[in-house]
Protein backbone atom coordinates (compact mmCIF):
# COMPACT_ATOMS: atom_id res chain seq x y z
CA MET A 1 10.92 -19.70 72.51
CA LEU A 2 14.18 -19.66 74.26
CA ALA A 3 14.38 -23.34 74.41
CA LYS A 4 13.65 -23.82 70.84
CA GLN A 5 16.52 -20.94 70.00
CA ARG A 6 18.92 -23.06 72.23
CA PHE A 7 17.67 -26.30 70.49
CA VAL A 8 18.52 -25.01 66.91
CA THR A 9 21.83 -23.29 68.28
CA ASP A 10 22.88 -26.88 69.60
CA SER A 11 22.21 -28.55 66.16
CA ILE A 12 24.34 -26.37 64.42
CA ILE A 13 27.33 -26.70 66.82
CA ARG A 14 27.03 -30.72 66.06
CA HIS A 15 26.80 -30.35 62.45
CA THR A 16 29.35 -28.08 61.68
CA TRP A 17 33.31 -28.73 62.15
CA VAL A 18 34.64 -25.49 63.94
CA LEU A 19 38.39 -25.52 65.00
CA PRO A 20 39.90 -22.86 67.63
CA ASP A 21 42.66 -20.79 65.94
CA SER A 22 45.09 -22.30 68.37
CA LEU A 23 44.85 -25.64 66.91
CA ILE A 24 45.11 -24.59 62.93
CA ASP A 25 48.82 -25.04 61.92
CA LYS A 26 49.49 -21.76 60.20
CA ASN A 27 52.29 -22.93 58.66
CA ALA A 28 50.83 -25.63 56.55
CA LEU A 29 47.78 -23.13 55.62
CA LEU A 30 50.46 -20.62 54.57
CA GLY A 31 52.42 -23.24 52.73
CA SER A 32 49.53 -24.54 50.53
CA VAL A 33 48.49 -20.77 49.85
CA GLU A 34 52.08 -20.06 48.54
CA LYS A 35 52.43 -23.16 46.42
CA GLU A 36 48.89 -22.47 44.89
CA TYR A 37 49.16 -18.91 44.39
CA LEU A 38 52.68 -17.64 44.94
CA PHE A 39 56.18 -18.53 43.45
CA PRO A 40 58.33 -20.84 45.56
CA VAL A 41 61.64 -19.88 47.04
CA LEU A 42 63.68 -18.15 44.62
CA ASP A 43 65.80 -20.99 42.98
CA LEU A 44 67.03 -20.37 39.37
CA SER A 45 68.38 -23.86 38.90
CA SER A 46 65.17 -25.36 39.69
CA TRP A 47 63.27 -22.95 37.89
CA GLN A 48 65.35 -24.06 34.73
CA LYS A 49 64.99 -27.61 35.01
CA LYS A 50 60.91 -27.11 35.41
CA TYR A 51 60.42 -24.58 32.53
CA LYS A 52 63.18 -25.58 30.15
CA ASN A 53 61.04 -27.60 27.74
CA PHE A 54 58.70 -24.42 27.28
CA LYS A 55 59.03 -22.54 24.29
CA LYS A 56 58.21 -18.82 23.89
CA LYS A 57 56.21 -18.48 21.11
CA ASP A 58 57.20 -16.46 18.04
CA ASN A 59 54.21 -14.02 17.87
CA PRO A 60 51.53 -14.00 20.85
CA TYR A 61 48.79 -12.94 18.82
CA GLN A 62 46.91 -15.21 16.36
CA LEU A 63 47.78 -15.05 12.81
CA GLY A 64 44.79 -14.93 10.16
CA ARG A 65 44.83 -15.58 6.66
CA SER A 66 44.11 -12.61 4.27
CA ILE A 67 41.16 -13.09 2.34
CA PRO A 68 41.63 -12.62 -1.60
CA LYS A 69 40.02 -9.66 -3.25
CA GLY A 70 38.93 -9.35 -6.79
CA ASN A 71 40.01 -6.65 -9.23
CA VAL A 72 37.96 -3.90 -8.68
CA TRP A 73 38.58 -2.47 -11.97
CA LEU A 74 36.31 -5.31 -13.22
CA LEU A 75 32.99 -3.96 -11.83
CA GLY A 76 33.78 -0.70 -13.97
CA PHE A 77 34.27 -2.55 -17.21
CA ILE A 78 31.24 -4.19 -16.53
CA PHE A 79 29.18 -1.28 -15.81
CA ILE A 80 30.34 0.52 -19.07
CA MET A 81 29.79 -2.68 -21.05
CA LEU A 82 26.54 -2.55 -19.96
CA VAL A 83 26.01 0.97 -20.83
CA VAL A 84 27.60 0.95 -24.33
CA PHE A 85 25.38 -2.08 -25.12
CA ALA A 86 22.09 -0.08 -23.76
CA ILE A 87 23.09 2.92 -25.64
CA LEU A 88 23.24 0.74 -28.97
CA LYS A 89 20.18 -1.08 -28.16
CA ASN A 90 18.32 2.37 -27.91
CA ALA A 91 20.27 4.00 -30.64
CA PHE A 92 20.25 1.36 -33.27
CA SER A 93 17.67 -0.96 -32.00
CA LYS A 94 16.67 -1.71 -35.79
CA GLN A 95 20.30 -2.68 -37.12
CA LEU A 96 20.64 -4.71 -34.16
CA SER A 97 17.36 -6.94 -34.57
CA ALA A 98 18.68 -7.30 -38.18
CA ILE A 99 21.93 -8.72 -36.87
CA VAL A 100 20.28 -11.22 -34.65
CA GLN A 101 17.63 -12.27 -37.24
CA SER A 102 20.00 -12.52 -39.96
CA PHE A 103 22.23 -15.22 -38.35
CA PHE A 104 19.19 -17.61 -38.82
CA SER A 105 17.29 -16.26 -41.95
CA ASN A 106 19.03 -16.18 -45.38
CA ARG A 107 16.76 -13.73 -46.49
CA ILE A 108 17.59 -11.07 -44.19
CA LEU A 109 21.09 -11.97 -44.71
CA ASN A 110 20.99 -10.69 -48.51
CA ASN A 111 19.30 -7.93 -47.68
CA ILE A 112 22.22 -6.64 -45.46
CA ASN A 113 24.76 -7.55 -48.17
CA LYS A 114 23.15 -5.34 -50.71
CA GLU A 115 23.56 -2.54 -48.48
CA ASP A 116 27.35 -2.22 -48.65
CA ASN A 117 27.64 0.88 -46.58
CA LEU A 118 25.98 -1.13 -43.40
CA PHE A 119 29.05 -3.02 -42.27
CA SER A 120 31.15 0.24 -42.26
CA SER A 121 28.34 2.10 -40.15
CA TRP A 122 28.93 3.21 -36.24
CA PRO A 123 26.87 0.25 -35.11
CA PHE A 124 28.84 -2.46 -36.63
CA LEU A 125 32.17 -0.63 -35.77
CA LEU A 126 31.02 -0.33 -32.27
CA LEU A 127 29.94 -3.80 -31.93
CA PHE A 128 33.31 -5.20 -33.44
CA ILE A 129 35.17 -3.11 -30.79
CA GLN A 130 32.73 -4.52 -28.09
CA PHE A 131 33.31 -7.96 -29.55
CA GLY A 132 37.33 -7.63 -28.80
CA PHE A 133 37.22 -6.26 -25.36
CA ILE A 134 34.31 -8.83 -24.36
CA LEU A 135 36.32 -11.72 -25.63
CA GLY A 136 39.38 -10.10 -24.16
CA MET A 137 37.89 -10.25 -20.59
CA PHE A 138 36.75 -13.54 -21.06
CA PHE A 139 40.75 -14.45 -21.86
CA PHE A 140 41.76 -12.52 -18.90
CA LEU A 141 39.03 -14.42 -16.54
CA VAL A 142 40.24 -17.69 -17.91
CA ALA A 143 44.31 -16.55 -16.97
CA GLN A 144 43.08 -15.79 -13.73
CA PHE A 145 40.86 -18.90 -12.82
CA TYR A 146 44.37 -20.74 -13.97
CA ASP A 147 46.23 -18.33 -11.74
CA MET A 148 48.81 -17.37 -14.54
CA TYR A 149 51.34 -14.84 -13.87
CA GLN A 150 49.74 -12.95 -16.83
CA ALA A 151 46.73 -12.31 -14.97
CA LYS A 152 48.65 -10.36 -12.22
CA ASN A 153 49.00 -7.51 -14.39
CA GLY A 154 45.09 -6.87 -14.21
CA PHE A 155 44.09 -4.32 -16.44
CA LYS A 156 47.33 -3.74 -18.57
CA PHE A 157 47.22 -7.72 -19.76
CA PHE A 158 42.98 -7.28 -20.42
CA PHE A 159 43.55 -4.31 -22.43
CA SER A 160 46.69 -5.59 -24.25
CA ILE A 161 44.90 -8.99 -25.26
CA SER A 162 41.53 -7.11 -26.19
CA ILE A 163 43.66 -4.86 -28.75
CA ILE A 164 45.45 -7.82 -30.08
CA ILE A 165 42.21 -9.65 -30.82
CA ILE A 166 40.87 -6.42 -32.46
CA VAL A 167 43.84 -6.33 -34.85
CA PHE A 168 43.99 -9.97 -35.51
CA TYR A 169 40.46 -10.31 -36.70
CA ALA A 170 40.44 -6.76 -38.40
CA LEU A 171 43.80 -8.05 -40.34
CA LYS A 172 41.94 -11.33 -41.09
CA LEU A 173 38.83 -9.09 -42.89
CA ILE A 174 41.48 -7.19 -44.57
CA ILE A 175 43.43 -10.58 -45.87
CA LEU A 176 40.13 -11.69 -46.85
CA ARG A 177 38.87 -8.64 -49.22
CA PHE A 178 42.65 -8.52 -50.40
CA LEU A 179 42.32 -12.18 -51.69
CA GLY A 180 39.10 -11.56 -53.01
CA VAL A 181 40.51 -8.57 -55.12
CA LEU A 182 43.40 -10.63 -56.19
CA PHE A 183 41.47 -13.98 -57.37
CA ASN A 184 38.50 -12.03 -58.61
CA ILE A 185 36.19 -13.20 -56.29
CA GLN A 186 34.59 -10.19 -54.65
CA LYS A 187 31.28 -11.52 -54.28
CA PRO A 188 31.66 -14.78 -52.26
CA VAL A 189 34.41 -13.29 -50.58
CA ASN A 190 31.82 -10.31 -49.50
CA GLU A 191 29.13 -13.06 -48.58
CA TYR A 192 31.62 -14.98 -46.22
CA ILE A 193 32.74 -11.73 -44.52
CA SER A 194 28.86 -10.83 -43.84
CA ILE A 195 28.88 -14.21 -42.40
CA LEU A 196 31.86 -13.54 -40.14
CA TYR A 197 30.49 -10.23 -39.14
CA LEU A 198 27.51 -11.69 -37.95
CA SER A 199 29.08 -14.43 -36.11
CA TYR A 200 31.35 -12.20 -34.14
CA PHE A 201 28.50 -9.78 -33.23
CA ASN A 202 26.15 -12.55 -32.02
CA ALA A 203 28.82 -14.13 -30.08
CA SER A 204 29.50 -10.95 -28.45
CA LEU A 205 26.02 -10.60 -27.44
CA LEU A 206 25.94 -14.16 -26.01
CA PHE A 207 28.99 -13.60 -24.36
CA ILE A 208 28.02 -10.49 -22.00
CA PRO A 209 26.03 -12.30 -19.67
CA LEU A 210 28.43 -15.00 -19.48
CA VAL A 211 31.41 -12.86 -19.22
CA VAL A 212 29.20 -10.81 -16.24
CA ALA A 213 28.38 -14.05 -14.34
CA PHE A 214 32.04 -15.27 -14.90
CA ALA A 215 33.57 -12.06 -13.70
CA LEU A 216 30.95 -11.95 -10.28
CA SER A 217 31.10 -15.48 -9.50
CA PRO A 218 33.92 -17.41 -7.14
CA LEU A 219 36.45 -18.81 -8.96
CA LYS A 220 35.73 -22.31 -8.29
CA TYR A 221 32.77 -21.84 -10.65
CA GLY A 222 35.13 -20.93 -13.26
CA ALA A 223 35.35 -24.33 -15.22
CA ILE A 224 31.67 -24.19 -15.47
CA TYR A 225 31.80 -20.73 -17.73
CA ILE A 226 34.67 -21.92 -19.57
CA GLY A 227 32.65 -25.33 -20.55
CA LEU A 228 29.85 -23.17 -21.67
CA ALA A 229 32.07 -20.74 -23.66
CA ILE A 230 33.58 -23.55 -25.44
CA LEU A 231 30.27 -25.15 -26.20
CA LEU A 232 28.80 -21.57 -27.91
CA LEU A 233 31.79 -21.03 -29.81
CA GLY A 234 31.80 -24.55 -31.09
CA ILE A 235 28.21 -24.13 -31.86
CA ILE A 236 28.75 -20.50 -33.56
CA PHE A 237 32.01 -21.84 -35.42
CA ALA A 238 30.05 -24.85 -36.72
CA PHE A 239 27.25 -22.85 -37.77
CA GLN A 240 29.38 -20.56 -39.61
CA LEU A 241 31.07 -23.33 -41.60
CA LEU A 242 27.77 -24.95 -42.47
CA ARG A 243 26.22 -21.69 -43.66
CA ALA A 244 29.31 -20.70 -45.72
CA GLY A 245 29.31 -24.03 -47.29
CA VAL A 246 25.47 -24.09 -48.08
CA THR A 247 25.32 -20.45 -49.51
CA ILE A 248 28.58 -19.82 -50.66
CA LEU A 249 30.17 -23.12 -51.79
CA SER A 250 27.40 -24.19 -53.32
CA ASN A 251 27.31 -21.40 -56.08
CA ASN A 252 30.99 -21.32 -56.27
CA LYS A 253 33.69 -23.79 -57.00
CA PHE A 254 36.93 -23.78 -55.12
CA SER A 255 40.35 -26.04 -55.05
CA ARG A 256 40.25 -28.01 -51.77
CA MET A 257 43.79 -27.45 -51.38
CA HIS A 258 42.79 -23.38 -51.25
CA LEU A 259 40.12 -24.25 -48.80
CA PHE A 260 42.27 -26.12 -46.41
CA LEU A 261 44.93 -23.58 -46.63
CA TYR A 262 42.38 -20.81 -45.81
CA PHE A 263 41.12 -22.86 -43.09
CA CYS A 264 44.36 -23.42 -41.42
CA ALA A 265 45.60 -20.08 -41.91
CA LEU A 266 42.87 -17.52 -41.12
CA GLU A 267 40.44 -19.70 -39.10
CA ILE A 268 42.66 -21.88 -36.72
CA CYS A 269 45.96 -20.15 -36.37
CA PRO A 270 44.44 -16.69 -34.81
CA VAL A 271 43.09 -19.13 -32.45
CA LEU A 272 45.87 -20.84 -31.64
CA ILE A 273 48.02 -17.57 -31.34
CA LEU A 274 45.48 -15.84 -28.80
CA ILE A 275 45.68 -19.15 -26.73
CA LYS A 276 49.56 -19.15 -27.17
CA THR A 277 49.72 -15.46 -26.03
CA ILE A 278 48.09 -15.97 -22.75
CA GLY A 279 49.83 -18.95 -22.03
CA LEU A 280 47.17 -21.78 -22.10
């Protein structure tokens, strides 16, 4: 056992490089430690030459980029809009069903025209106000998508454009009734106003899911919703003119010049004024 222990000890000594302390150069060892972990001798000129190309960071912390946040009041408007529509659906389900069906059925449209007080009732008034605010919200979202300065005002711009839309279209209906009395054509004018009412109300119903999706989606998808809105408005507008031509112009004779003037003054001009108002 003693011989085996001596053999192991001798093998370790042979394979291990061990120097006595007297043979180690302490100055060389201390110099390497100072060079690696400590500053050299205090020499300001050499320090300046060595570190003159290093620039101090203006801000030692990493700078982030603020995440853009949407308008919180949009959620409130969407909630109120859906609540108002739910109230109208439950309280005036019969009238709403007639509005949707009359857009496609001439028989139901004739029945609505016979009820003179229907267009002055509460459901039609609330639907007209809802139409203005939904269209105003759509114009606000369009302005926000194109990063227009008007959209920076937020709720103020949305409320203003909604009131302008309501006033414009209310004035349009008043002017139409005045022209009907002036030229003694109340019956065709009333029929055309009924078609306009139904077009506005059905447009507002179709725009509810579109506006909700537009408001809650990222801005990069705005072009898709704008394209869908233009397509919907084009279809409704074309259907409105086609129906007016079939139901009204077939039974009444009007001057082409008068029709052209009306079309330019009361159909195209309000849309152009609204587009100009938001700066498109």
